[in-house]
């Protein structure tokens, strides 16, 4: 099953990188924290979001050395499908 992310919450309005996302809201209204989403993605669950043009962007977990894991869209040729382009909640 795939889960659509529709909104994000960041730890500060001034942060402009995906590693500052703390929570996500799914299309069914469920709110999950990033640790949960990372764990679910690592167990092979699929997360995505749909950009303003209707294109789906896949979400992946990132595990940097010495820092907390976070989520981001899988790299491609555009930044228009960045998770930070989603509305805040």
PDB file of N, CA and C in Angstrom:
ATOM      1  N   UNK A   1       0.837  -1.181   0.000  1.00  0.00           N
ATOM      2  CA  UNK A   1       0.000   0.000   0.000  1.00  0.00           C
ATOM      3  C   UNK A   1       0.884   1.249   0.000  1.00  0.00           C
ATOM      4  N   UNK A   2       0.448   2.269  -0.684  1.00  0.00           N
ATOM      5  CA  UNK A   2       1.195   3.527  -0.753  1.00  0.00           C
ATOM      6  C   UNK A   2       0.446   4.612   0.019  1.00  0.00           C
ATOM      7  N   UNK A   3       1.191   5.462   0.691  1.00  0.00           N
ATOM      8  CA  UNK A   3       0.622   6.512   1.518  1.00  0.00           C
ATOM      9  C   UNK A   3       1.011   7.871   0.951  1.00  0.00           C
ATOM     10  N   UNK A   4       0.013   8.735   0.758  1.00  0.00           N
ATOM     11  CA  UNK A   4       0.254  10.046   0.183  1.00  0.00           C
ATOM     12  C   UNK A   4       0.440  11.094   1.269  1.00  0.00           C
ATOM     13  N   UNK A   5       1.566  11.789   1.245  1.00  0.00           N
ATOM     14  CA  UNK A   5       1.841  12.899   2.158  1.00  0.00           C
ATOM     15  C   UNK A   5       1.254  14.162   1.540  1.00  0.00           C
ATOM     16  N   UNK A   6       0.440  14.875   2.321  1.00  0.00           N
ATOM     17  CA  UNK A   6      -0.213  16.084   1.808  1.00  0.00           C
ATOM     18  C   UNK A   6       0.269  17.364   2.478  1.00  0.00           C
ATOM     19  N   UNK A   7       0.825  17.263   3.689  1.00  0.00           N
ATOM     20  CA  UNK A   7       1.289  18.429   4.450  1.00  0.00           C
ATOM     21  C   UNK A   7       2.544  18.040   5.231  1.00  0.00           C
ATOM     22  N   UNK A   8       3.349  19.021   5.592  1.00  0.00           N
ATOM     23  CA  UNK A   8       4.515  18.795   6.438  1.00  0.00           C
ATOM     24  C   UNK A   8       4.538  19.810   7.575  1.00  0.00           C
ATOM     25  N   UNK A   9       5.194  19.422   8.646  1.00  0.00           N
ATOM     26  CA  UNK A   9       5.469  20.340   9.763  1.00  0.00           C
ATOM     27  C   UNK A   9       6.986  20.395   9.911  1.00  0.00           C
ATOM     28  N   UNK A  10       7.522  21.605  10.030  1.00  0.00           N
ATOM     29  CA  UNK A  10       8.963  21.780  10.215  1.00  0.00           C
ATOM     30  C   UNK A  10       9.227  22.356  11.601  1.00  0.00           C
ATOM     31  N   UNK A  11      10.464  22.194  12.077  1.00  0.00           N
ATOM     32  CA  UNK A  11      10.771  22.651  13.434  1.00  0.00           C
ATOM     33  C   UNK A  11      10.901  24.160  13.536  1.00  0.00           C
ATOM     34  N   UNK A  12      10.996  24.851  12.405  1.00  0.00           N
ATOM     35  CA  UNK A  12      11.039  26.309  12.398  1.00  0.00           C
ATOM     36  C   UNK A  12      10.670  26.791  10.999  1.00  0.00           C
ATOM     37  N   UNK A  13       9.939  27.863  10.903  1.00  0.00           N
ATOM     38  CA  UNK A  13       9.545  28.407   9.603  1.00  0.00           C
ATOM     39  C   UNK A  13      10.743  28.835   8.761  1.00  0.00           C
ATOM     40  N   UNK A  14      11.881  29.048   9.404  1.00  0.00           N
ATOM     41  CA  UNK A  14      13.054  29.546   8.699  1.00  0.00           C
ATOM     42  C   UNK A  14      13.913  28.435   8.119  1.00  0.00           C
ATOM     43  N   UNK A  15      13.623  27.196   8.463  1.00  0.00           N
ATOM     44  CA  UNK A  15      14.414  26.085   7.950  1.00  0.00           C
ATOM     45  C   UNK A  15      13.975  25.739   6.540  1.00  0.00           C
ATOM     46  N   UNK A  16      14.938  25.588   5.660  1.00  0.00           N
ATOM     47  CA  UNK A  16      14.667  25.355   4.247  1.00  0.00           C
ATOM     48  C   UNK A  16      15.266  24.036   3.744  1.00  0.00           C
ATOM     49  N   UNK A  17      15.435  23.069   4.634  1.00  0.00           N
ATOM     50  CA  UNK A  17      15.945  21.769   4.188  1.00  0.00           C
ATOM     51  C   UNK A  17      15.068  20.664   4.762  1.00  0.00           C
ATOM     52  N   UNK A  18      14.978  19.571   4.011  1.00  0.00           N
ATOM     53  CA  UNK A  18      14.053  18.495   4.367  1.00  0.00           C
ATOM     54  C   UNK A  18      14.408  17.815   5.680  1.00  0.00           C
ATOM     55  N   UNK A  19      15.643  17.931   6.146  1.00  0.00           N
ATOM     56  CA  UNK A  19      15.993  17.293   7.412  1.00  0.00           C
ATOM     57  C   UNK A  19      15.388  18.008   8.615  1.00  0.00           C
ATOM     58  N   UNK A  20      14.677  19.104   8.391  1.00  0.00           N
ATOM     59  CA  UNK A  20      13.991  19.806   9.475  1.00  0.00           C
ATOM     60  C   UNK A  20      12.497  19.487   9.538  1.00  0.00           C
ATOM     61  N   UNK A  21      12.026  18.590   8.686  1.00  0.00           N
ATOM     62  CA  UNK A  21      10.631  18.153   8.748  1.00  0.00           C
ATOM     63  C   UNK A  21      10.478  17.268   9.980  1.00  0.00           C
ATOM     64  N   UNK A  22       9.479  17.562  10.809  1.00  0.00           N
ATOM     65  CA  UNK A  22       9.265  16.791  12.034  1.00  0.00           C
ATOM     66  C   UNK A  22       8.078  15.836  11.939  1.00  0.00           C
ATOM     67  N   UNK A  23       7.053  16.222  11.184  1.00  0.00           N
ATOM     68  CA  UNK A  23       5.832  15.421  11.067  1.00  0.00           C
ATOM     69  C   UNK A  23       5.260  15.570   9.666  1.00  0.00           C
ATOM     70  N   UNK A  24       4.443  14.595   9.285  1.00  0.00           N
ATOM     71  CA  UNK A  24       3.733  14.675   8.009  1.00  0.00           C
ATOM     72  C   UNK A  24       2.266  14.357   8.248  1.00  0.00           C
ATOM     73  N   UNK A  25       1.418  14.914   7.390  1.00  0.00           N
ATOM     74  CA  UNK A  25      -0.003  14.588   7.408  1.00  0.00           C
ATOM     75  C   UNK A  25      -0.298  13.822   6.124  1.00  0.00           C
ATOM     76  N   UNK A  26      -1.007  12.718   6.259  1.00  0.00           N
ATOM     77  CA  UNK A  26      -1.351  11.890   5.114  1.00  0.00           C
ATOM     78  C   UNK A  26      -2.711  12.271   4.562  1.00  0.00           C
ATOM     79  N   UNK A  27      -3.024  11.773   3.382  1.00  0.00           N
ATOM     80  CA  UNK A  27      -4.275  12.141   2.703  1.00  0.00           C
ATOM     81  C   UNK A  27      -5.511  11.750   3.501  1.00  0.00           C
ATOM     82  N   UNK A  28      -5.399  10.763   4.387  1.00  0.00           N
ATOM     83  CA  UNK A  28      -6.557  10.375   5.204  1.00  0.00           C
ATOM     84  C   UNK A  28      -6.629  11.145   6.522  1.00  0.00           C
ATOM     85  N   UNK A  29      -5.722  12.128   6.719  1.00  0.00           N
ATOM     86  CA  UNK A  29      -5.718  12.944   7.930  1.00  0.00           C
ATOM     87  C   UNK A  29      -4.801  12.439   9.029  1.00  0.00           C
ATOM     88  N   UNK A  30      -4.247  11.251   8.861  1.00  0.00           N
ATOM     89  CA  UNK A  30      -3.319  10.697   9.847  1.00  0.00           C
ATOM     90  C   UNK A  30      -2.062  11.547   9.919  1.00  0.00           C
ATOM     91  N   UNK A  31      -1.573  11.780  11.143  1.00  0.00           N
ATOM     92  CA  UNK A  31      -0.321  12.499  11.346  1.00  0.00           C
ATOM     93  C   UNK A  31       0.712  11.504  11.859  1.00  0.00           C
ATOM     94  N   UNK A  32       1.875  11.498  11.216  1.00  0.00           N
ATOM     95  CA  UNK A  32       2.970  10.621  11.627  1.00  0.00           C
ATOM     96  C   UNK A  32       4.226  11.462  11.807  1.00  0.00           C
ATOM     97  N   UNK A  33       5.030  11.100  12.825  1.00  0.00           N
ATOM     98  CA  UNK A  33       6.292  11.816  12.971  1.00  0.00           C
ATOM     99  C   UNK A  33       7.323  11.200  12.028  1.00  0.00           C
ATOM    100  N   UNK A  34       8.381  11.915  11.775  1.00  0.00           N
ATOM    101  CA  UNK A  34       9.365  11.482  10.786  1.00  0.00           C
ATOM    102  C   UNK A  34      10.020  10.164  11.192  1.00  0.00           C
ATOM    103  N   UNK A  35      10.245   9.947  12.472  1.00  0.00           N
ATOM    104  CA  UNK A  35      10.838   8.674  12.899  1.00  0.00           C
ATOM    105  C   UNK A  35       9.965   7.502  12.481  1.00  0.00           C
ATOM    106  N   UNK A  36       8.638   7.659  12.619  1.00  0.00           N
ATOM    107  CA  UNK A  36       7.724   6.606  12.186  1.00  0.00           C
ATOM    108  C   UNK A  36       7.823   6.384  10.687  1.00  0.00           C
ATOM    109  N   UNK A  37       7.798   7.475   9.926  1.00  0.00           N
ATOM    110  CA  UNK A  37       7.838   7.372   8.460  1.00  0.00           C
ATOM    111  C   UNK A  37       9.143   6.708   8.023  1.00  0.00           C
ATOM    112  N   UNK A  38      10.262   7.102   8.604  1.00  0.00           N
ATOM    113  CA  UNK A  38      11.555   6.485   8.275  1.00  0.00           C
ATOM    114  C   UNK A  38      11.480   4.986   8.526  1.00  0.00           C
ATOM    115  N   UNK A  39      10.961   4.600   9.676  1.00  0.00           N
ATOM    116  CA  UNK A  39      10.846   3.179  10.013  1.00  0.00           C
ATOM    117  C   UNK A  39       9.955   2.437   9.019  1.00  0.00           C
ATOM    118  N   UNK A  40       8.830   3.036   8.672  1.00  0.00           N
ATOM    119  CA  UNK A  40       7.913   2.397   7.718  1.00  0.00           C
ATOM    120  C   UNK A  40       8.552   2.278   6.331  1.00  0.00           C
ATOM    121  N   UNK A  41       9.234   3.321   5.876  1.00  0.00           N
ATOM    122  CA  UNK A  41       9.907   3.262   4.571  1.00  0.00           C
ATOM    123  C   UNK A  41      10.991   2.182   4.599  1.00  0.00           C
ATOM    124  N   UNK A  42      11.739   2.120   5.695  1.00  0.00           N
ATOM    125  CA  UNK A  42      12.794   1.109   5.814  1.00  0.00           C
ATOM    126  C   UNK A  42      12.221  -0.308   5.840  1.00  0.00           C
ATOM    127  N   UNK A  43      10.938  -0.455   6.245  1.00  0.00           N
ATOM    128  CA  UNK A  43      10.298  -1.771   6.190  1.00  0.00           C
ATOM    129  C   UNK A  43       9.523  -1.984   4.896  1.00  0.00           C
ATOM    130  N   UNK A  44       9.869  -1.189   3.886  1.00  0.00           N
ATOM    131  CA  UNK A  44       9.360  -1.351   2.516  1.00  0.00           C
ATOM    132  C   UNK A  44       7.961  -0.794   2.268  1.00  0.00           C
ATOM    133  N   UNK A  45       7.464   0.066   3.158  1.00  0.00           N
ATOM    134  CA  UNK A  45       6.209   0.759   2.869  1.00  0.00           C
ATOM    135  C   UNK A  45       6.530   1.924   1.933  1.00  0.00           C
ATOM    136  N   UNK A  46       5.571   2.300   1.111  1.00  0.00           N
ATOM    137  CA  UNK A  46       5.792   3.341   0.114  1.00  0.00           C
ATOM    138  C   UNK A  46       5.073   4.628   0.501  1.00  0.00           C
ATOM    139  N   UNK A  47       5.799   5.736   0.421  1.00  0.00           N
ATOM    140  CA  UNK A  47       5.244   7.071   0.653  1.00  0.00           C
ATOM    141  C   UNK A  47       5.515   7.913  -0.586  1.00  0.00           C
ATOM    142  N   UNK A  48       4.595   8.823  -0.887  1.00  0.00           N
ATOM    143  CA  UNK A  48       4.748   9.699  -2.039  1.00  0.00           C
ATOM    144  C   UNK A  48       3.964  10.966  -1.788  1.00  0.00           C
ATOM    145  N   UNK A  49       4.152  11.942  -2.647  1.00  0.00           N
ATOM    146  CA  UNK A  49       3.223  13.060  -2.680  1.00  0.00           C
ATOM    147  C   UNK A  49       3.012  13.449  -4.123  1.00  0.00           C
ATOM    148  N   UNK A  50       1.906  14.134  -4.361  1.00  0.00           N
ATOM    149  CA  UNK A  50       1.540  14.547  -5.707  1.00  0.00           C
ATOM    150  C   UNK A  50       1.747  16.047  -5.816  1.00  0.00           C
ATOM    151  N   UNK A  51       2.547  16.462  -6.808  1.00  0.00           N
ATOM    152  CA  UNK A  51       2.813  17.890  -6.951  1.00  0.00           C
ATOM    153  C   UNK A  51       1.643  18.600  -7.639  1.00  0.00           C
ATOM    154  N   UNK A  52       1.756  19.901  -7.805  1.00  0.00           N
ATOM    155  CA  UNK A  52       0.663  20.704  -8.347  1.00  0.00           C
ATOM    156  C   UNK A  52       0.331  20.357  -9.800  1.00  0.00           C
ATOM    157  N   UNK A  53       1.211  19.620 -10.477  1.00  0.00           N
ATOM    158  CA  UNK A  53       0.945  19.208 -11.851  1.00  0.00           C
ATOM    159  C   UNK A  53       0.375  17.791 -11.936  1.00  0.00           C
ATOM    160  N   UNK A  54       0.222  17.142 -10.772  1.00  0.00           N
ATOM    161  CA  UNK A  54      -0.329  15.789 -10.747  1.00  0.00           C
ATOM    162  C   UNK A  54       0.711  14.688 -10.833  1.00  0.00           C
ATOM    163  N   UNK A  55       2.005  15.041 -10.805  1.00  0.00           N
ATOM    164  CA  UNK A  55       3.070  14.033 -10.848  1.00  0.00           C
ATOM    165  C   UNK A  55       3.358  13.510  -9.452  1.00  0.00           C
ATOM    166  N   UNK A  56       3.572  12.202  -9.352  1.00  0.00           N
ATOM    167  CA  UNK A  56       3.912  11.600  -8.066  1.00  0.00           C
ATOM    168  C   UNK A  56       5.420  11.632  -7.857  1.00  0.00           C
ATOM    169  N   UNK A  57       5.817  12.025  -6.659  1.00  0.00           N
ATOM    170  CA  UNK A  57       7.222  12.008  -6.255  1.00  0.00           C
ATOM    171  C   UNK A  57       7.370  11.001  -5.123  1.00  0.00           C
ATOM    172  N   UNK A  58       8.269  10.056  -5.286  1.00  0.00           N
ATOM    173  CA  UNK A  58       8.504   9.043  -4.269  1.00  0.00           C
ATOM    174  C   UNK A  58       9.329   9.633  -3.123  1.00  0.00           C
ATOM    175  N   UNK A  59       9.039   9.190  -1.911  1.00  0.00           N
ATOM    176  CA  UNK A  59       9.748   9.655  -0.719  1.00  0.00           C
ATOM    177  C   UNK A  59      10.664   8.535  -0.244  1.00  0.00           C
ATOM    178  N   UNK A  60      11.877   8.899   0.174  1.00  0.00           N
ATOM    179  CA  UNK A  60      12.844   7.926   0.663  1.00  0.00           C
ATOM    180  C   UNK A  60      13.367   8.360   2.027  1.00  0.00           C
ATOM    181  N   UNK A  61      13.937   7.406   2.752  1.00  0.00           N
ATOM    182  CA  UNK A  61      14.579   7.735   4.023  1.00  0.00           C
ATOM    183  C   UNK A  61      16.070   7.935   3.776  1.00  0.00           C
ATOM    184  N   UNK A  62      16.657   8.831   4.576  1.00  0.00           N
ATOM    185  CA  UNK A  62      18.083   9.144   4.474  1.00  0.00           C
ATOM    186  C   UNK A  62      18.676   8.934   5.859  1.00  0.00           C
ATOM    187  N   UNK A  63      19.835   8.266   5.909  1.00  0.00           N
ATOM    188  CA  UNK A  63      20.492   7.952   7.182  1.00  0.00           C
ATOM    189  C   UNK A  63      21.905   8.521   7.202  1.00  0.00           C
ATOM    190  N   UNK A  64      22.040   9.844   7.469  1.00  0.00           N
ATOM    191  CA  UNK A  64      23.383  10.435   7.502  1.00  0.00           C
ATOM    192  C   UNK A  64      24.151  10.004   8.759  1.00  0.00           C
ATOM    193  N   UNK A  65      25.440   9.908   8.638  1.00  0.00           N
ATOM    194  CA  UNK A  65      26.290   9.547   9.767  1.00  0.00           C
ATOM    195  C   UNK A  65      26.272  10.651  10.815  1.00  0.00           C
ATOM    196  N   UNK A  66      26.019  10.292  12.058  1.00  0.00           N
ATOM    197  CA  UNK A  66      26.085  11.246  13.158  1.00  0.00           C
ATOM    198  C   UNK A  66      24.891  12.169  13.295  1.00  0.00           C
ATOM    199  N   UNK A  67      23.835  11.943  12.509  1.00  0.00           N
ATOM    200  CA  UNK A  67      22.624  12.786  12.590  1.00  0.00           C
ATOM    201  C   UNK A  67      21.399  11.897  12.512  1.00  0.00           C
ATOM    202  N   UNK A  68      20.288  12.455  12.908  1.00  0.00           N
ATOM    203  CA  UNK A  68      19.030  11.697  12.858  1.00  0.00           C
ATOM    204  C   UNK A  68      18.610  11.440  11.414  1.00  0.00           C
ATOM    205  N   UNK A  69      17.984  10.301  11.191  1.00  0.00           N
ATOM    206  CA  UNK A  69      17.457   9.977   9.864  1.00  0.00           C
ATOM    207  C   UNK A  69      16.336  10.948   9.520  1.00  0.00           C
ATOM    208  N   UNK A  70      16.137  11.179   8.226  1.00  0.00           N
ATOM    209  CA  UNK A  70      15.077  12.073   7.774  1.00  0.00           C
ATOM    210  C   UNK A  70      14.511  11.566   6.459  1.00  0.00           C
ATOM    211  N   UNK A  71      13.495  12.265   5.939  1.00  0.00           N
ATOM    212  CA  UNK A  71      12.879  11.867   4.678  1.00  0.00           C
ATOM    213  C   UNK A  71      13.071  12.963   3.644  1.00  0.00           C
ATOM    214  N   UNK A  72      13.053  12.548   2.381  1.00  0.00           N
ATOM    215  CA  UNK A  72      13.137  13.490   1.262  1.00  0.00           C
ATOM    216  C   UNK A  72      12.551  12.799   0.036  1.00  0.00           C
ATOM    217  N   UNK A  73      12.323  13.583  -0.990  1.00  0.00           N
ATOM    218  CA  UNK A  73      11.900  12.977  -2.249  1.00  0.00           C
ATOM    219  C   UNK A  73      13.127  12.370  -2.920  1.00  0.00           C
ATOM    220  N   UNK A  74      12.890  11.316  -3.691  1.00  0.00           N
ATOM    221  CA  UNK A  74      13.996  10.709  -4.421  1.00  0.00           C
ATOM    222  C   UNK A  74      14.510  11.714  -5.441  1.00  0.00           C
ATOM    223  N   UNK A  75      15.826  11.874  -5.528  1.00  0.00           N
ATOM    224  CA  UNK A  75      16.398  12.861  -6.450  1.00  0.00           C
ATOM    225  C   UNK A  75      15.972  12.624  -7.905  1.00  0.00           C
ATOM    226  N   UNK A  76      15.694  13.731  -8.575  1.00  0.00           N
ATOM    227  CA  UNK A  76      15.363  13.692  -9.998  1.00  0.00           C
ATOM    228  C   UNK A  76      15.798  15.020 -10.621  1.00  0.00           C
ATOM    229  N   UNK A  77      15.264  15.353 -11.772  1.00  0.00           N
ATOM    230  CA  UNK A  77      15.725  16.531 -12.495  1.00  0.00           C
ATOM    231  C   UNK A  77      15.088  17.848 -12.046  1.00  0.00           C
ATOM    232  N   UNK A  78      14.246  17.839 -11.023  1.00  0.00           N
ATOM    233  CA  UNK A  78      13.557  19.072 -10.629  1.00  0.00           C
ATOM    234  C   UNK A  78      13.504  19.211  -9.111  1.00  0.00           C
ATOM    235  N   UNK A  79      13.405  20.438  -8.646  1.00  0.00           N
ATOM    236  CA  UNK A  79      13.187  20.677  -7.219  1.00  0.00           C
ATOM    237  C   UNK A  79      11.721  21.028  -6.950  1.00  0.00           C
ATOM    238  N   UNK A  80      10.905  21.046  -7.991  1.00  0.00           N
ATOM    239  CA  UNK A  80       9.493  21.405  -7.836  1.00  0.00           C
ATOM    240  C   UNK A  80       8.724  20.379  -7.014  1.00  0.00           C
ATOM    241  N   UNK A  81       9.264  19.170  -6.895  1.00  0.00           N
ATOM    242  CA  UNK A  81       8.565  18.142  -6.130  1.00  0.00           C
ATOM    243  C   UNK A  81       9.219  17.901  -4.757  1.00  0.00           C
ATOM    244  N   UNK A  82       9.862  18.908  -4.245  1.00  0.00           N
ATOM    245  CA  UNK A  82      10.465  18.867  -2.932  1.00  0.00           C
ATOM    246  C   UNK A  82       9.372  18.831  -1.856  1.00  0.00           C
ATOM    247  N   UNK A  83       9.569  18.031  -0.816  1.00  0.00           N
ATOM    248  CA  UNK A  83       8.567  17.951   0.256  1.00  0.00           C
ATOM    249  C   UNK A  83       8.255  19.318   0.863  1.00  0.00           C
ATOM    250  N   UNK A  84       9.229  20.216   0.872  1.00  0.00           N
ATOM    251  CA  UNK A  84       8.990  21.533   1.468  1.00  0.00           C
ATOM    252  C   UNK A  84       8.057  22.404   0.639  1.00  0.00           C
ATOM    253  N   UNK A  85       7.689  21.944  -0.551  1.00  0.00           N
ATOM    254  CA  UNK A  85       6.710  22.697  -1.348  1.00  0.00           C
ATOM    255  C   UNK A  85       5.274  22.407  -0.895  1.00  0.00           C
ATOM    256  N   UNK A  86       5.117  21.422  -0.017  1.00  0.00           N
ATOM    257  CA  UNK A  86       3.792  21.081   0.509  1.00  0.00           C
ATOM    258  C   UNK A  86       3.339  22.112   1.536  1.00  0.00           C
ATOM    259  N   UNK A  87       1.999  22.227   1.719  1.00  0.00           N
ATOM    260  CA  UNK A  87       1.485  23.133   2.754  1.00  0.00           C
ATOM    261  C   UNK A  87       1.927  22.699   4.154  1.00  0.00           C
ATOM    262  N   UNK A  88       2.015  23.655   5.054  1.00  0.00           N
ATOM    263  CA  UNK A  88       2.336  23.380   6.455  1.00  0.00           C
ATOM    264  C   UNK A  88       1.044  23.126   7.237  1.00  0.00           C
ATOM    265  N   UNK A  89       1.198  22.419   8.340  1.00  0.00           N
ATOM    266  CA  UNK A  89       0.050  22.225   9.245  1.00  0.00           C
ATOM    267  C   UNK A  89       0.502  22.407  10.677  1.00  0.00           C
TER     268      UNK A  89
END
